[in-house]
Amino acid sequence: RENSSENILSSVNRLLLHEGKLMLAESTRLLDVYLFLFDDFLLITKIKRNKKKYGGSDTSLIPVCPSLTPELQSFMREGGFCTVLDQPIPLDRLILKNVEPV
C-alpha cells in the first residue's frame, strides 16, 4: 500500500531504541535485513548493495548521518542502502517467540 513514507521517521516524539543487521529466513532463501526498533513500531528494511561504488576511490568523504551506527555508516559508504521491506509493525501487535537456531 502506498503512503507518505517521508513522514514515517519525522515524528519528534518517536525514539529509536535499537537498530541492527539480521538475517531473515524467507521460505526458500535468506535475506539480509536491517531492523529499526522504535518505541512504537518495528521497521524492517532490505539491504541493497550497489554494483558500482559511490563516488571515487576515497569513500570516507561521503556524507553520512552521524546518528547512524558505525556499521550502517560503513555500509552506506560502500554504496549500500536500505529500502522498506514491508509496512512498519506496531509494537502493540508484535509477538516475539524464541526459536531454535537452524
Protein backbone atom coordinates (compact mmCIF):
# COMPACT_ATOMS: atom_id res chain seq x y z
CA ARG A 1 0.00 0.00 0.00
CA GLU A 2 1.37 3.38 -0.93
CA ASN A 3 1.52 6.10 1.67
CA SER A 4 3.69 9.08 2.50
CA SER A 5 6.83 7.33 3.71
CA GLU A 6 8.73 10.59 4.14
CA ASN A 7 6.76 11.28 7.36
CA ILE A 8 7.35 7.85 8.91
CA LEU A 9 10.57 8.84 10.70
CA SER A 10 9.92 12.53 11.22
CA SER A 11 7.94 12.40 14.47
CA VAL A 12 9.75 14.33 17.20
CA ASN A 13 8.10 12.09 19.82
CA ARG A 14 9.42 8.84 18.30
CA LEU A 15 12.54 7.30 19.84
CA LEU A 16 14.93 4.91 18.12
CA LEU A 17 15.62 2.19 20.72
CA HIS A 18 17.81 -0.18 18.73
CA GLU A 19 18.95 -0.95 15.21
CA GLY A 20 20.95 -3.70 13.63
CA LYS A 21 21.58 -6.18 10.87
CA LEU A 22 19.76 -9.51 10.81
CA MET A 23 19.30 -12.49 8.52
CA LEU A 24 15.62 -13.08 7.69
CA ALA A 25 14.62 -16.60 6.66
CA GLU A 26 12.05 -16.49 3.89
CA SER A 27 10.52 -19.69 2.53
CA THR A 28 13.48 -20.76 0.35
CA ARG A 29 16.17 -18.14 0.89
CA LEU A 30 17.95 -15.97 3.41
CA LEU A 31 17.61 -12.22 3.17
CA ASP A 32 19.90 -9.56 4.66
CA VAL A 33 17.72 -7.06 6.51
CA TYR A 34 18.35 -4.08 8.74
CA LEU A 35 15.90 -3.53 11.60
CA PHE A 36 14.97 -0.25 13.27
CA LEU A 37 13.17 -0.68 16.61
CA PHE A 38 11.35 2.48 17.62
CA ASP A 39 9.32 2.96 20.78
CA ASP A 40 6.09 2.44 18.83
CA PHE A 41 6.92 0.18 15.86
CA LEU A 42 9.45 -2.13 14.20
CA LEU A 43 10.67 -1.20 10.72
CA ILE A 44 12.24 -3.92 8.57
CA THR A 45 14.35 -2.75 5.65
CA LYS A 46 16.03 -4.75 2.91
CA ILE A 47 19.76 -4.24 2.48
CA LYS A 48 20.72 -3.42 -1.09
CA ARG A 49 24.24 -3.21 -2.42
CA ASN A 50 25.17 -1.10 -5.42
CA LYS A 51 27.19 -2.84 -8.10
CA LYS A 52 29.26 0.33 -8.54
CA LYS A 53 30.87 2.06 -5.59
CA TYR A 54 29.57 5.51 -4.80
CA GLY A 55 32.00 8.31 -5.63
CA GLY A 56 35.68 7.86 -6.32
CA SER A 57 38.38 5.99 -4.52
CA ASP A 58 38.04 7.90 -1.23
CA THR A 59 34.66 6.85 0.15
CA SER A 60 35.38 8.40 3.56
CA LEU A 61 34.25 11.77 2.15
CA ILE A 62 30.67 10.60 1.56
CA PRO A 63 28.33 12.45 3.95
CA VAL A 64 26.54 10.08 6.32
CA CYS A 65 24.20 10.93 9.19
CA PRO A 66 26.27 10.84 12.43
CA SER A 67 23.40 9.31 14.44
CA LEU A 68 23.61 6.05 12.46
CA THR A 69 25.61 3.16 13.87
CA PRO A 70 29.19 2.78 12.58
CA GLU A 71 28.13 -0.47 10.89
CA LEU A 72 25.38 1.26 8.89
CA GLN A 73 27.60 4.27 8.12
CA SER A 74 30.28 1.94 6.73
CA PHE A 75 27.70 0.03 4.68
CA MET A 76 26.38 3.28 3.18
CA ARG A 77 29.90 4.49 2.34
CA GLU A 78 30.35 1.28 0.34
CA GLY A 79 27.35 2.24 -1.78
CA GLY A 80 24.72 0.27 0.12
CA PHE A 81 21.26 1.46 1.04
CA CYS A 82 18.11 0.20 2.74
CA THR A 83 14.59 0.08 1.35
CA VAL A 84 11.49 -0.55 3.44
CA LEU A 85 10.56 -4.22 3.07
CA ASP A 86 7.01 -4.01 4.41
CA GLN A 87 4.79 -1.74 6.44
CA PRO A 88 6.00 -0.92 9.95
CA ILE A 89 4.80 -3.36 12.61
CA PRO A 90 3.18 -1.63 15.61
CA LEU A 91 4.69 -2.93 18.85
CA ASP A 92 1.27 -3.50 20.39
CA ARG A 93 0.59 -6.05 17.61
CA LEU A 94 4.02 -7.71 17.64
CA ILE A 95 4.55 -11.17 19.15
CA LEU A 96 8.08 -12.45 19.76
CA LYS A 97 8.97 -16.11 20.16
CA ASN A 98 12.27 -17.86 20.83
CA VAL A 99 13.14 -20.41 18.14
CA GLU A 100 15.92 -22.93 17.90
CA PRO A 101 18.79 -21.97 15.53
CA VAL A 102 18.73 -23.81 12.22
